[in-house]
Amino acid sequence: MGCDSSDTKLLLGGFVALATFITSCNARCYFIPGTEPRNDFLDECEDTDGVKYSIHTNWQTESCFECSCNEEGIQCCSKVAVPLGYDKINCQSIFYKENCTYSVVERDDPEKTCDVKSWIL
């Protein structure tokens, strides 16, 4: 029994939906809705620390999230690629807050880097 084009399209659609779901689950983002009534547009956004931002501005937080303010609220997403596929027994990851990056080095010799097979944003 062979696959016809409708079976192939259904299967392909399932893979696309799964890939979209996996991508959205791995993305480290959050949204802070505005406090204004929904029928009024915001003219500024306020973050969880009480800092206010003008509409259509972008900034980076100290915890390496890139944020933007629009009429709906604040959208922030991590800009840090986190190492996943590496030898966790012989290697360790080190986070550098000043440039929002990780390096993976050998535990016994931190001067030597380790191979990383996968990263997640």
PDB file of N, CA and C in Angstrom:
ATOM      1  N   MET A   1       0.853  -1.176   0.000  1.00  0.00           N
ATOM      2  CA  MET A   1       0.000   0.000   0.000  1.00  0.00           C
ATOM      3  C   MET A   1       0.900   1.242   0.000  1.00  0.00           C
ATOM      4  N   GLY A   2       0.779   2.099  -0.977  1.00  0.00           N
ATOM      5  CA  GLY A   2       1.606   3.293  -1.106  1.00  0.00           C
ATOM      6  C   GLY A   2       0.929   4.510  -0.513  1.00  0.00           C
ATOM      7  N   CYS A   3       1.679   5.575  -0.408  1.00  0.00           N
ATOM      8  CA  CYS A   3       1.151   6.838   0.108  1.00  0.00           C
ATOM      9  C   CYS A   3       0.693   7.690  -1.058  1.00  0.00           C
ATOM     10  N   ASP A   4      -0.500   8.257  -0.937  1.00  0.00           N
ATOM     11  CA  ASP A   4      -0.924   9.205  -1.960  1.00  0.00           C
ATOM     12  C   ASP A   4      -0.539  10.611  -1.521  1.00  0.00           C
ATOM     13  N   SER A   5      -0.797  11.587  -2.362  1.00  0.00           N
ATOM     14  CA  SER A   5      -0.338  12.944  -2.069  1.00  0.00           C
ATOM     15  C   SER A   5      -1.001  13.518  -0.824  1.00  0.00           C
ATOM     16  N   SER A   6      -2.244  13.126  -0.510  1.00  0.00           N
ATOM     17  CA  SER A   6      -2.882  13.659   0.693  1.00  0.00           C
ATOM     18  C   SER A   6      -2.226  13.109   1.950  1.00  0.00           C
ATOM     19  N   ASP A   7      -1.778  11.824   1.920  1.00  0.00           N
ATOM     20  CA  ASP A   7      -1.060  11.261   3.058  1.00  0.00           C
ATOM     21  C   ASP A   7       0.279  11.965   3.252  1.00  0.00           C
ATOM     22  N   THR A   8       0.954  12.230   2.147  1.00  0.00           N
ATOM     23  CA  THR A   8       2.247  12.906   2.207  1.00  0.00           C
ATOM     24  C   THR A   8       2.094  14.319   2.755  1.00  0.00           C
ATOM     25  N   LYS A   9       1.072  15.028   2.307  1.00  0.00           N
ATOM     26  CA  LYS A   9       0.834  16.387   2.798  1.00  0.00           C
ATOM     27  C   LYS A   9       0.491  16.376   4.281  1.00  0.00           C
ATOM     28  N   LEU A  10      -0.302  15.394   4.711  1.00  0.00           N
ATOM     29  CA  LEU A  10      -0.669  15.286   6.121  1.00  0.00           C
ATOM     30  C   LEU A  10       0.568  15.018   6.975  1.00  0.00           C
ATOM     31  N   LEU A  11       1.401  14.105   6.510  1.00  0.00           N
ATOM     32  CA  LEU A  11       2.629  13.783   7.231  1.00  0.00           C
ATOM     33  C   LEU A  11       3.565  14.986   7.295  1.00  0.00           C
ATOM     34  N   LEU A  12       3.736  15.668   6.161  1.00  0.00           N
ATOM     35  CA  LEU A  12       4.581  16.860   6.114  1.00  0.00           C
ATOM     36  C   LEU A  12       4.030  17.947   7.039  1.00  0.00           C
ATOM     37  N   GLY A  13       2.711  18.131   7.015  1.00  0.00           N
ATOM     38  CA  GLY A  13       2.085  19.121   7.903  1.00  0.00           C
ATOM     39  C   GLY A  13       2.316  18.787   9.361  1.00  0.00           C
ATOM     40  N   GLY A  14       2.276  17.509   9.691  1.00  0.00           N
ATOM     41  CA  GLY A  14       2.547  17.084  11.070  1.00  0.00           C
ATOM     42  C   GLY A  14       3.966  17.402  11.486  1.00  0.00           C
ATOM     43  N   PHE A  15       4.930  17.164  10.571  1.00  0.00           N
ATOM     44  CA  PHE A  15       6.325  17.484  10.874  1.00  0.00           C
ATOM     45  C   PHE A  15       6.531  18.981  11.057  1.00  0.00           C
ATOM     46  N   VAL A  16       5.889  19.783  10.225  1.00  0.00           N
ATOM     47  CA  VAL A  16       6.002  21.244  10.349  1.00  0.00           C
ATOM     48  C   VAL A  16       5.426  21.697  11.687  1.00  0.00           C
ATOM     49  N   ALA A  17       4.265  21.163  12.064  1.00  0.00           N
ATOM     50  CA  ALA A  17       3.648  21.526  13.345  1.00  0.00           C
ATOM     51  C   ALA A  17       4.546  21.119  14.500  1.00  0.00           C
ATOM     52  N   LEU A  18       5.120  19.924  14.446  1.00  0.00           N
ATOM     53  CA  LEU A  18       6.008  19.451  15.497  1.00  0.00           C
ATOM     54  C   LEU A  18       7.251  20.324  15.591  1.00  0.00           C
ATOM     55  N   ALA A  19       7.847  20.664  14.461  1.00  0.00           N
ATOM     56  CA  ALA A  19       9.037  21.517  14.461  1.00  0.00           C
ATOM     57  C   ALA A  19       8.720  22.888  15.041  1.00  0.00           C
ATOM     58  N   THR A  20       7.568  23.430  14.711  1.00  0.00           N
ATOM     59  CA  THR A  20       7.153  24.725  15.249  1.00  0.00           C
ATOM     60  C   THR A  20       6.969  24.636  16.752  1.00  0.00           C
ATOM     61  N   PHE A  21       6.337  23.557  17.217  1.00  0.00           N
ATOM     62  CA  PHE A  21       6.108  23.370  18.649  1.00  0.00           C
ATOM     63  C   PHE A  21       7.430  23.251  19.391  1.00  0.00           C
ATOM     64  N   ILE A  22       8.358  22.460  18.871  1.00  0.00           N
ATOM     65  CA  ILE A  22       9.645  22.278  19.527  1.00  0.00           C
ATOM     66  C   ILE A  22      10.400  23.599  19.561  1.00  0.00           C
ATOM     67  N   THR A  23      10.388  24.348  18.467  1.00  0.00           N
ATOM     68  CA  THR A  23      11.081  25.635  18.428  1.00  0.00           C
ATOM     69  C   THR A  23      10.488  26.596  19.444  1.00  0.00           C
ATOM     70  N   SER A  24       9.160  26.672  19.524  1.00  0.00           N
ATOM     71  CA  SER A  24       8.545  27.619  20.448  1.00  0.00           C
ATOM     72  C   SER A  24       8.761  27.197  21.897  1.00  0.00           C
ATOM     73  N   CYS A  25       8.865  25.897  22.163  1.00  0.00           N
ATOM     74  CA  CYS A  25       9.103  25.440  23.530  1.00  0.00           C
ATOM     75  C   CYS A  25      10.531  25.713  23.963  1.00  0.00           C
ATOM     76  N   ASN A  26      11.468  25.701  23.019  1.00  0.00           N
ATOM     77  CA  ASN A  26      12.864  25.925  23.353  1.00  0.00           C
ATOM     78  C   ASN A  26      13.200  27.404  23.468  1.00  0.00           C
ATOM     79  N   ALA A  27      12.410  28.258  22.859  1.00  0.00           N
ATOM     80  CA  ALA A  27      12.684  29.685  22.909  1.00  0.00           C
ATOM     81  C   ALA A  27      12.449  30.185  24.330  1.00  0.00           C
ATOM     82  N   ARG A  28      13.370  30.946  24.848  1.00  0.00           N
ATOM     83  CA  ARG A  28      13.231  31.476  26.202  1.00  0.00           C
ATOM     84  C   ARG A  28      12.818  32.932  26.105  1.00  0.00           C
ATOM     85  N   CYS A  29      11.522  33.123  26.019  1.00  0.00           N
ATOM     86  CA  CYS A  29      10.943  34.453  25.896  1.00  0.00           C
ATOM     87  C   CYS A  29       9.840  34.635  26.927  1.00  0.00           C
ATOM     88  N   TYR A  30       9.556  35.880  27.214  1.00  0.00           N
ATOM     89  CA  TYR A  30       8.400  36.179  28.059  1.00  0.00           C
ATOM     90  C   TYR A  30       7.777  37.491  27.615  1.00  0.00           C
ATOM     91  N   PHE A  31       6.535  37.684  28.026  1.00  0.00           N
ATOM     92  CA  PHE A  31       5.780  38.876  27.651  1.00  0.00           C
ATOM     93  C   PHE A  31       5.198  39.496  28.913  1.00  0.00           C
ATOM     94  N   ILE A  32       5.322  40.814  29.040  1.00  0.00           N
ATOM     95  CA  ILE A  32       4.710  41.559  30.140  1.00  0.00           C
ATOM     96  C   ILE A  32       3.650  42.453  29.512  1.00  0.00           C
ATOM     97  N   PRO A  33       2.367  42.113  29.709  1.00  0.00           N
ATOM     98  CA  PRO A  33       1.319  42.937  29.087  1.00  0.00           C
ATOM     99  C   PRO A  33       1.269  44.326  29.701  1.00  0.00           C
ATOM    100  N   GLY A  34       0.797  45.277  28.916  1.00  0.00           N
ATOM    101  CA  GLY A  34       0.628  46.635  29.419  1.00  0.00           C
ATOM    102  C   GLY A  34      -0.497  46.693  30.443  1.00  0.00           C
ATOM    103  N   THR A  35      -0.496  47.735  31.250  1.00  0.00           N
ATOM    104  CA  THR A  35      -1.510  47.866  32.299  1.00  0.00           C
ATOM    105  C   THR A  35      -2.660  48.766  31.888  1.00  0.00           C
ATOM    106  N   GLU A  36      -2.557  49.376  30.721  1.00  0.00           N
ATOM    107  CA  GLU A  36      -3.624  50.246  30.232  1.00  0.00           C
ATOM    108  C   GLU A  36      -4.817  49.405  29.789  1.00  0.00           C
ATOM    109  N   PRO A  37      -6.009  49.982  29.767  1.00  0.00           N
ATOM    110  CA  PRO A  37      -7.160  49.238  29.217  1.00  0.00           C
ATOM    111  C   PRO A  37      -6.885  48.810  27.782  1.00  0.00           C
ATOM    112  N   ARG A  38      -7.420  47.675  27.371  1.00  0.00           N
ATOM    113  CA  ARG A  38      -7.141  47.112  26.051  1.00  0.00           C
ATOM    114  C   ARG A  38      -7.553  48.037  24.900  1.00  0.00           C
ATOM    115  N   ASN A  39      -8.536  48.910  25.083  1.00  0.00           N
ATOM    116  CA  ASN A  39      -8.961  49.761  23.969  1.00  0.00           C
ATOM    117  C   ASN A  39      -8.084  51.006  23.824  1.00  0.00           C
ATOM    118  N   ASP A  40      -7.212  51.249  24.794  1.00  0.00           N
ATOM    119  CA  ASP A  40      -6.262  52.361  24.690  1.00  0.00           C
ATOM    120  C   ASP A  40      -4.882  51.783  24.391  1.00  0.00           C
ATOM    121  N   PHE A  41      -4.108  52.468  23.568  1.00  0.00           N
ATOM    122  CA  PHE A  41      -2.749  52.026  23.306  1.00  0.00           C
ATOM    123  C   PHE A  41      -1.823  52.606  24.365  1.00  0.00           C
ATOM    124  N   LEU A  42      -0.805  51.846  24.688  1.00  0.00           N
ATOM    125  CA  LEU A  42       0.184  52.314  25.651  1.00  0.00           C
ATOM    126  C   LEU A  42       1.066  53.378  25.013  1.00  0.00           C
ATOM    127  N   ASP A  43       1.574  54.306  25.830  1.00  0.00           N
ATOM    128  CA  ASP A  43       2.573  55.229  25.318  1.00  0.00           C
ATOM    129  C   ASP A  43       3.934  54.959  25.954  1.00  0.00           C
ATOM    130  N   GLU A  44       3.960  54.024  26.913  1.00  0.00           N
ATOM    131  CA  GLU A  44       5.213  53.568  27.497  1.00  0.00           C
ATOM    132  C   GLU A  44       4.988  52.197  28.117  1.00  0.00           C
ATOM    133  N   CYS A  45       6.083  51.497  28.381  1.00  0.00           N
ATOM    134  CA  CYS A  45       6.034  50.186  29.018  1.00  0.00           C
ATOM    135  C   CYS A  45       6.792  50.263  30.338  1.00  0.00           C
ATOM    136  N   GLU A  46       6.378  49.424  31.277  1.00  0.00           N
ATOM    137  CA  GLU A  46       7.070  49.363  32.566  1.00  0.00           C
ATOM    138  C   GLU A  46       7.470  47.923  32.835  1.00  0.00           C
ATOM    139  N   ASP A  47       8.772  47.712  33.110  1.00  0.00           N
ATOM    140  CA  ASP A  47       9.237  46.349  33.360  1.00  0.00           C
ATOM    141  C   ASP A  47       8.999  45.956  34.818  1.00  0.00           C
ATOM    142  N   THR A  48       9.408  44.751  35.179  1.00  0.00           N
ATOM    143  CA  THR A  48       9.152  44.239  36.531  1.00  0.00           C
ATOM    144  C   THR A  48       9.936  44.989  37.609  1.00  0.00           C
ATOM    145  N   ASP A  49      10.972  45.724  37.223  1.00  0.00           N
ATOM    146  CA  ASP A  49      11.741  46.524  38.174  1.00  0.00           C
ATOM    147  C   ASP A  49      11.215  47.949  38.282  1.00  0.00           C
ATOM    148  N   GLY A  50      10.140  48.270  37.543  1.00  0.00           N
ATOM    149  CA  GLY A  50       9.560  49.608  37.580  1.00  0.00           C
ATOM    150  C   GLY A  50      10.193  50.593  36.615  1.00  0.00           C
ATOM    151  N   VAL A  51      11.134  50.116  35.781  1.00  0.00           N
ATOM    152  CA  VAL A  51      11.775  50.989  34.802  1.00  0.00           C
ATOM    153  C   VAL A  51      10.823  51.171  33.623  1.00  0.00           C
ATOM    154  N   LYS A  52      10.660  52.418  33.179  1.00  0.00           N
ATOM    155  CA  LYS A  52       9.747  52.721  32.076  1.00  0.00           C
ATOM    156  C   LYS A  52      10.522  52.957  30.791  1.00  0.00           C
ATOM    157  N   TYR A  53       9.919  52.494  29.684  1.00  0.00           N
ATOM    158  CA  TYR A  53      10.526  52.607  28.359  1.00  0.00           C
ATOM    159  C   TYR A  53       9.506  53.194  27.400  1.00  0.00           C
ATOM    160  N   SER A  54       9.981  53.997  26.460  1.00  0.00           N
ATOM    161  CA  SER A  54       9.116  54.561  25.422  1.00  0.00           C
ATOM    162  C   SER A  54       8.705  53.472  24.440  1.00  0.00           C
ATOM    163  N   ILE A  55       7.554  53.685  23.819  1.00  0.00           N
ATOM    164  CA  ILE A  55       7.083  52.769  22.778  1.00  0.00           C
ATOM    165  C   ILE A  55       8.119  52.698  21.657  1.00  0.00           C
ATOM    166  N   HIS A  56       8.288  51.508  21.082  1.00  0.00           N
ATOM    167  CA  HIS A  56       9.196  51.246  19.964  1.00  0.00           C
ATOM    168  C   HIS A  56      10.668  51.407  20.349  1.00  0.00           C
ATOM    169  N   THR A  57      10.997  51.103  21.614  1.00  0.00           N
ATOM    170  CA  THR A  57      12.399  51.084  22.025  1.00  0.00           C
ATOM    171  C   THR A  57      12.830  49.646  22.285  1.00  0.00           C
ATOM    172  N   ASN A  58      14.124  49.415  22.176  1.00  0.00           N
ATOM    173  CA  ASN A  58      14.720  48.103  22.419  1.00  0.00           C
ATOM    174  C   ASN A  58      15.856  48.267  23.412  1.00  0.00           C
ATOM    175  N   TRP A  59      16.114  47.240  24.198  1.00  0.00           N
ATOM    176  CA  TRP A  59      17.206  47.280  25.167  1.00  0.00           C
ATOM    177  C   TRP A  59      17.598  45.863  25.543  1.00  0.00           C
ATOM    178  N   GLN A  60      18.745  45.755  26.194  1.00  0.00           N
ATOM    179  CA  GLN A  60      19.224  44.470  26.698  1.00  0.00           C
ATOM    180  C   GLN A  60      19.273  44.538  28.214  1.00  0.00           C
ATOM    181  N   THR A  61      18.768  43.495  28.873  1.00  0.00           N
ATOM    182  CA  THR A  61      18.789  43.452  30.338  1.00  0.00           C
ATOM    183  C   THR A  61      20.143  42.941  30.824  1.00  0.00           C
ATOM    184  N   GLU A  62      20.390  43.100  32.114  1.00  0.00           N
ATOM    185  CA  GLU A  62      21.624  42.583  32.700  1.00  0.00           C
ATOM    186  C   GLU A  62      21.683  41.067  32.652  1.00  0.00           C
ATOM    187  N   SER A  63      20.513  40.419  32.550  1.00  0.00           N
ATOM    188  CA  SER A  63      20.472  38.955  32.494  1.00  0.00           C
ATOM    189  C   SER A  63      20.442  38.435  31.048  1.00  0.00           C
ATOM    190  N   CYS A  64      20.868  39.282  30.103  1.00  0.00           N
ATOM    191  CA  CYS A  64      21.072  38.904  28.698  1.00  0.00           C
ATOM    192  C   CYS A  64      19.783  38.612  27.937  1.00  0.00           C
ATOM    193  N   PHE A  65      18.722  39.337  28.246  1.00  0.00           N
ATOM    194  CA  PHE A  65      17.502  39.264  27.458  1.00  0.00           C
ATOM    195  C   PHE A  65      17.419  40.521  26.598  1.00  0.00           C
ATOM    196  N   GLU A  66      17.027  40.349  25.323  1.00  0.00           N
ATOM    197  CA  GLU A  66      16.767  41.484  24.455  1.00  0.00           C
ATOM    198  C   GLU A  66      15.278  41.763  24.526  1.00  0.00           C
ATOM    199  N   CYS A  67      14.932  42.993  24.855  1.00  0.00           N
ATOM    200  CA  CYS A  67      13.536  43.360  25.071  1.00  0.00           C
ATOM    201  C   CYS A  67      13.118  44.473  24.115  1.00  0.00           C
ATOM    202  N   SER A  68      11.823  44.532  23.879  1.00  0.00           N
ATOM    203  CA  SER A  68      11.259  45.612  23.085  1.00  0.00           C
ATOM    204  C   SER A  68       9.914  46.000  23.689  1.00  0.00           C
ATOM    205  N   CYS A  69       9.589  47.277  23.539  1.00  0.00           N
ATOM    206  CA  CYS A  69       8.333  47.819  24.038  1.00  0.00           C
ATOM    207  C   CYS A  69       7.470  48.192  22.839  1.00  0.00           C
ATOM    208  N   ASN A  70       6.215  47.732  22.844  1.00  0.00           N
ATOM    209  CA  ASN A  70       5.275  48.166  21.818  1.00  0.00           C
ATOM    210  C   ASN A  70       3.939  48.491  22.490  1.00  0.00           C
ATOM    211  N   GLU A  71       2.925  48.750  21.704  1.00  0.00           N
ATOM    212  CA  GLU A  71       1.631  49.174  22.236  1.00  0.00           C
ATOM    213  C   GLU A  71       0.964  48.124  23.116  1.00  0.00           C
ATOM    214  N   GLU A  72       1.368  46.878  22.974  1.00  0.00           N
ATOM    215  CA  GLU A  72       0.761  45.786  23.746  1.00  0.00           C
ATOM    216  C   GLU A  72       1.477  45.525  25.066  1.00  0.00           C
ATOM    217  N   GLY A  73       2.776  45.836  25.133  1.00  0.00           N
ATOM    218  CA  GLY A  73       3.556  45.555  26.334  1.00  0.00           C
ATOM    219  C   GLY A  73       5.014  45.313  25.996  1.00  0.00           C
ATOM    220  N   ILE A  74       5.681  44.511  26.832  1.00  0.00           N
ATOM    221  CA  ILE A  74       7.111  44.232  26.676  1.00  0.00           C
ATOM    222  C   ILE A  74       7.303  42.771  26.280  1.00  0.00           C
ATOM    223  N   GLN A  75       8.114  42.548  25.249  1.00  0.00           N
ATOM    224  CA  GLN A  75       8.494  41.201  24.813  1.00  0.00           C
ATOM    225  C   GLN A  75       9.993  41.078  25.025  1.00  0.00           C
ATOM    226  N   CYS A  76      10.420  40.038  25.743  1.00  0.00           N
ATOM    227  CA  CYS A  76      11.841  39.803  25.989  1.00  0.00           C
ATOM    228  C   CYS A  76      12.202  38.367  25.626  1.00  0.00           C
ATOM    229  N   CYS A  77      13.347  38.198  24.967  1.00  0.00           N
ATOM    230  CA  CYS A  77      13.851  36.872  24.616  1.00  0.00           C
ATOM    231  C   CYS A  77      15.330  36.794  24.961  1.00  0.00           C
ATOM    232  N   SER A  78      15.732  35.642  25.448  1.00  0.00           N
ATOM    233  CA  SER A  78      17.132  35.431  25.783  1.00  0.00           C
ATOM    234  C   SER A  78      17.976  35.471  24.520  1.00  0.00           C
ATOM    235  N   LYS A  79      19.137  36.065  24.621  1.00  0.00           N
ATOM    236  CA  LYS A  79      20.058  36.089  23.489  1.00  0.00           C
ATOM    237  C   LYS A  79      21.241  35.160  23.725  1.00  0.00           C
ATOM    238  N   VAL A  80      21.119  34.313  24.758  1.00  0.00           N
ATOM    239  CA  VAL A  80      22.218  33.434  25.139  1.00  0.00           C
ATOM    240  C   VAL A  80      22.022  32.044  24.530  1.00  0.00           C
ATOM    241  N   ALA A  81      23.000  31.587  23.783  1.00  0.00           N
ATOM    242  CA  ALA A  81      23.012  30.215  23.296  1.00  0.00           C
ATOM    243  C   ALA A  81      23.608  29.340  24.390  1.00  0.00           C
ATOM    244  N   VAL A  82      22.824  28.360  24.850  1.00  0.00           N
ATOM    245  CA  VAL A  82      23.240  27.496  25.961  1.00  0.00           C
ATOM    246  C   VAL A  82      23.742  26.167  25.400  1.00  0.00           C
ATOM    247  N   PRO A  83      24.935  25.745  25.824  1.00  0.00           N
ATOM    248  CA  PRO A  83      25.465  24.477  25.320  1.00  0.00           C
ATOM    249  C   PRO A  83      24.708  23.287  25.913  1.00  0.00           C
ATOM    250  N   LEU A  84      24.384  22.297  25.055  1.00  0.00           N
ATOM    251  CA  LEU A  84      23.684  21.099  25.526  1.00  0.00           C
ATOM    252  C   LEU A  84      24.463  19.826  25.252  1.00  0.00           C
ATOM    253  N   GLY A  85      24.893  19.642  24.037  1.00  0.00           N
ATOM    254  CA  GLY A  85      25.516  18.379  23.634  1.00  0.00           C
ATOM    255  C   GLY A  85      27.012  18.371  23.852  1.00  0.00           C
ATOM    256  N   TYR A  86      27.431  18.146  25.089  1.00  0.00           N
ATOM    257  CA  TYR A  86      28.867  18.037  25.359  1.00  0.00           C
ATOM    258  C   TYR A  86      29.073  17.042  26.497  1.00  0.00           C
ATOM    259  N   ASP A  87      30.285  16.626  26.715  1.00  0.00           N
ATOM    260  CA  ASP A  87      30.640  15.662  27.752  1.00  0.00           C
ATOM    261  C   ASP A  87      30.575  16.355  29.118  1.00  0.00           C
ATOM    262  N   LYS A  88      29.475  16.136  29.827  1.00  0.00           N
ATOM    263  CA  LYS A  88      29.271  16.825  31.108  1.00  0.00           C
ATOM    264  C   LYS A  88      30.108  16.245  32.249  1.00  0.00           C
ATOM    265  N   ILE A  89      30.699  15.092  32.034  1.00  0.00           N
ATOM    266  CA  ILE A  89      31.559  14.496  33.061  1.00  0.00           C
ATOM    267  C   ILE A  89      32.948  15.124  33.024  1.00  0.00           C
ATOM    268  N   ASN A  90      33.510  15.250  31.818  1.00  0.00           N
ATOM    269  CA  ASN A  90      34.880  15.752  31.677  1.00  0.00           C
ATOM    270  C   ASN A  90      34.961  17.235  31.349  1.00  0.00           C
ATOM    271  N   CYS A  91      33.809  17.850  31.060  1.00  0.00           N
ATOM    272  CA  CYS A  91      33.799  19.254  30.660  1.00  0.00           C
ATOM    273  C   CYS A  91      32.801  20.042  31.500  1.00  0.00           C
ATOM    274  N   GLN A  92      32.980  21.341  31.505  1.00  0.00           N
ATOM    275  CA  GLN A  92      32.062  22.229  32.223  1.00  0.00           C
ATOM    276  C   GLN A  92      31.783  23.467  31.387  1.00  0.00           C
ATOM    277  N   SER A  93      30.571  24.006  31.552  1.00  0.00           N
ATOM    278  CA  SER A  93      30.238  25.245  30.842  1.00  0.00           C
ATOM    279  C   SER A  93      30.475  26.422  31.775  1.00  0.00           C
ATOM    280  N   ILE A  94      30.957  27.506  31.196  1.00  0.00           N
ATOM    281  CA  ILE A  94      31.236  28.728  31.956  1.00  0.00           C
ATOM    282  C   ILE A  94      30.489  29.869  31.275  1.00  0.00           C
ATOM    283  N   PHE A  95      29.697  30.604  32.056  1.00  0.00           N
ATOM    284  CA  PHE A  95      28.916  31.714  31.513  1.00  0.00           C
ATOM    285  C   PHE A  95      29.654  33.024  31.730  1.00  0.00           C
ATOM    286  N   TYR A  96      29.711  33.839  30.664  1.00  0.00           N
ATOM    287  CA  TYR A  96      30.349  35.151  30.722  1.00  0.00           C
ATOM    288  C   TYR A  96      29.256  36.213  30.591  1.00  0.00           C
ATOM    289  N   LYS A  97      28.877  36.774  31.727  1.00  0.00           N
ATOM    290  CA  LYS A  97      27.779  37.742  31.753  1.00  0.00           C
ATOM    291  C   LYS A  97      28.091  39.010  30.959  1.00  0.00           C
ATOM    292  N   GLU A  98      29.361  39.401  30.908  1.00  0.00           N
ATOM    293  CA  GLU A  98      29.729  40.650  30.239  1.00  0.00           C
ATOM    294  C   GLU A  98      29.453  40.620  28.733  1.00  0.00           C
ATOM    295  N   ASN A  99      29.464  39.428  28.123  1.00  0.00           N
ATOM    296  CA  ASN A  99      29.140  39.364  26.693  1.00  0.00           C
ATOM    297  C   ASN A  99      28.066  38.319  26.384  1.00  0.00           C
ATOM    298  N   CYS A 100      27.407  37.810  27.425  1.00  0.00           N
ATOM    299  CA  CYS A 100      26.261  36.893  27.278  1.00  0.00           C
ATOM    300  C   CYS A 100      26.602  35.642  26.479  1.00  0.00           C
ATOM    301  N   THR A 101      27.743  35.036  26.777  1.00  0.00           N
ATOM    302  CA  THR A 101      28.142  33.821  26.074  1.00  0.00           C
ATOM    303  C   THR A 101      28.587  32.742  27.059  1.00  0.00           C
ATOM    304  N   TYR A 102      28.592  31.510  26.561  1.00  0.00           N
ATOM    305  CA  TYR A 102      29.138  30.372  27.297  1.00  0.00           C
ATOM    306  C   TYR A 102      30.368  29.869  26.567  1.00  0.00           C
ATOM    307  N   SER A 103      31.277  29.289  27.316  1.00  0.00           N
ATOM    308  CA  SER A 103      32.326  28.472  26.726  1.00  0.00           C
ATOM    309  C   SER A 103      32.283  27.138  27.461  1.00  0.00           C
ATOM    310  N   VAL A 104      32.732  26.103  26.790  1.00  0.00           N
ATOM    311  CA  VAL A 104      32.769  24.770  27.391  1.00  0.00           C
ATOM    312  C   VAL A 104      34.215  24.321  27.375  1.00  0.00           C
ATOM    313  N   VAL A 105      34.738  24.055  28.567  1.00  0.00           N
ATOM    314  CA  VAL A 105      36.156  23.720  28.723  1.00  0.00           C
ATOM    315  C   VAL A 105      36.308  22.432  29.532  1.00  0.00           C
ATOM    316  N   GLU A 106      37.493  21.855  29.408  1.00  0.00           N
ATOM    317  CA  GLU A 106      37.796  20.651  30.186  1.00  0.00           C
ATOM    318  C   GLU A 106      37.889  21.002  31.665  1.00  0.00           C
ATOM    319  N   ARG A 107      37.360  20.127  32.506  1.00  0.00           N
ATOM    320  CA  ARG A 107      37.416  20.367  33.957  1.00  0.00           C
ATOM    321  C   ARG A 107      38.860  20.342  34.468  1.00  0.00           C
ATOM    322  N   ASP A 108      39.656  19.393  33.973  1.00  0.00           N
ATOM    323  CA  ASP A 108      41.033  19.245  34.445  1.00  0.00           C
ATOM    324  C   ASP A 108      41.992  20.259  33.842  1.00  0.00           C
ATOM    325  N   ASP A 109      41.638  20.801  32.675  1.00  0.00           N
ATOM    326  CA  ASP A 109      42.494  21.775  32.001  1.00  0.00           C
ATOM    327  C   ASP A 109      41.613  22.834  31.334  1.00  0.00           C
ATOM    328  N   PRO A 110      41.194  23.856  32.107  1.00  0.00           N
ATOM    329  CA  PRO A 110      40.282  24.878  31.580  1.00  0.00           C
ATOM    330  C   PRO A 110      40.824  25.675  30.389  1.00  0.00           C
ATOM    331  N   GLU A 111      42.083  25.479  30.044  1.00  0.00           N
ATOM    332  CA  GLU A 111      42.645  26.133  28.866  1.00  0.00           C
ATOM    333  C   GLU A 111      42.205  25.432  27.584  1.00  0.00           C
ATOM    334  N   LYS A 112      41.727  24.190  27.692  1.00  0.00           N
ATOM    335  CA  LYS A 112      41.314  23.409  26.522  1.00  0.00           C
ATOM    336  C   LYS A 112      39.792  23.438  26.402  1.00  0.00           C
ATOM    337  N   THR A 113      39.326  23.736  25.196  1.00  0.00           N
ATOM    338  CA  THR A 113      37.882  23.738  24.959  1.00  0.00           C
ATOM    339  C   THR A 113      37.393  22.336  24.626  1.00  0.00           C
ATOM    340  N   CYS A 114      36.100  22.119  24.856  1.00  0.00           N
ATOM    341  CA  CYS A 114      35.460  20.845  24.545  1.00  0.00           C
ATOM    342  C   CYS A 114      34.561  21.008  23.330  1.00  0.00           C
ATOM    343  N   ASP A 115      34.358  19.932  22.611  1.00  0.00           N
ATOM    344  CA  ASP A 115      33.427  19.943  21.486  1.00  0.00           C
ATOM    345  C   ASP A 115      32.006  20.032  22.012  1.00  0.00           C
ATOM    346  N   VAL A 116      31.197  20.873  21.371  1.00  0.00           N
ATOM    347  CA  VAL A 116      29.784  21.002  21.710  1.00  0.00           C
ATOM    348  C   VAL A 116      28.996  20.631  20.467  1.00  0.00           C
ATOM    349  N   LYS A 117      28.118  19.638  20.601  1.00  0.00           N
ATOM    350  CA  LYS A 117      27.353  19.159  19.437  1.00  0.00           C
ATOM    351  C   LYS A 117      26.065  19.928  19.231  1.00  0.00           C
ATOM    352  N   SER A 118      25.509  20.517  20.298  1.00  0.00           N
ATOM    353  CA  SER A 118      24.254  21.270  20.122  1.00  0.00           C
ATOM    354  C   SER A 118      24.177  22.426  21.118  1.00  0.00           C
ATOM    355  N   TRP A 119      23.515  23.457  20.660  1.00  0.00           N
ATOM    356  CA  TRP A 119      23.261  24.660  21.460  1.00  0.00           C
ATOM    357  C   TRP A 119      21.771  24.961  21.377  1.00  0.00           C
ATOM    358  N   ILE A 120      21.232  25.588  22.393  1.00  0.00           N
ATOM    359  CA  ILE A 120      19.828  25.974  22.358  1.00  0.00           C
ATOM    360  C   ILE A 120      19.718  27.453  22.704  1.00  0.00           C
ATOM    361  N   LEU A 121      18.859  28.148  21.993  1.00  0.00           N
ATOM    362  CA  LEU A 121      18.616  29.566  22.281  1.00  0.00           C
ATOM    363  C   LEU A 121      17.430  29.724  23.180  1.00  0.00           C
TER     364      LEU A 121
END
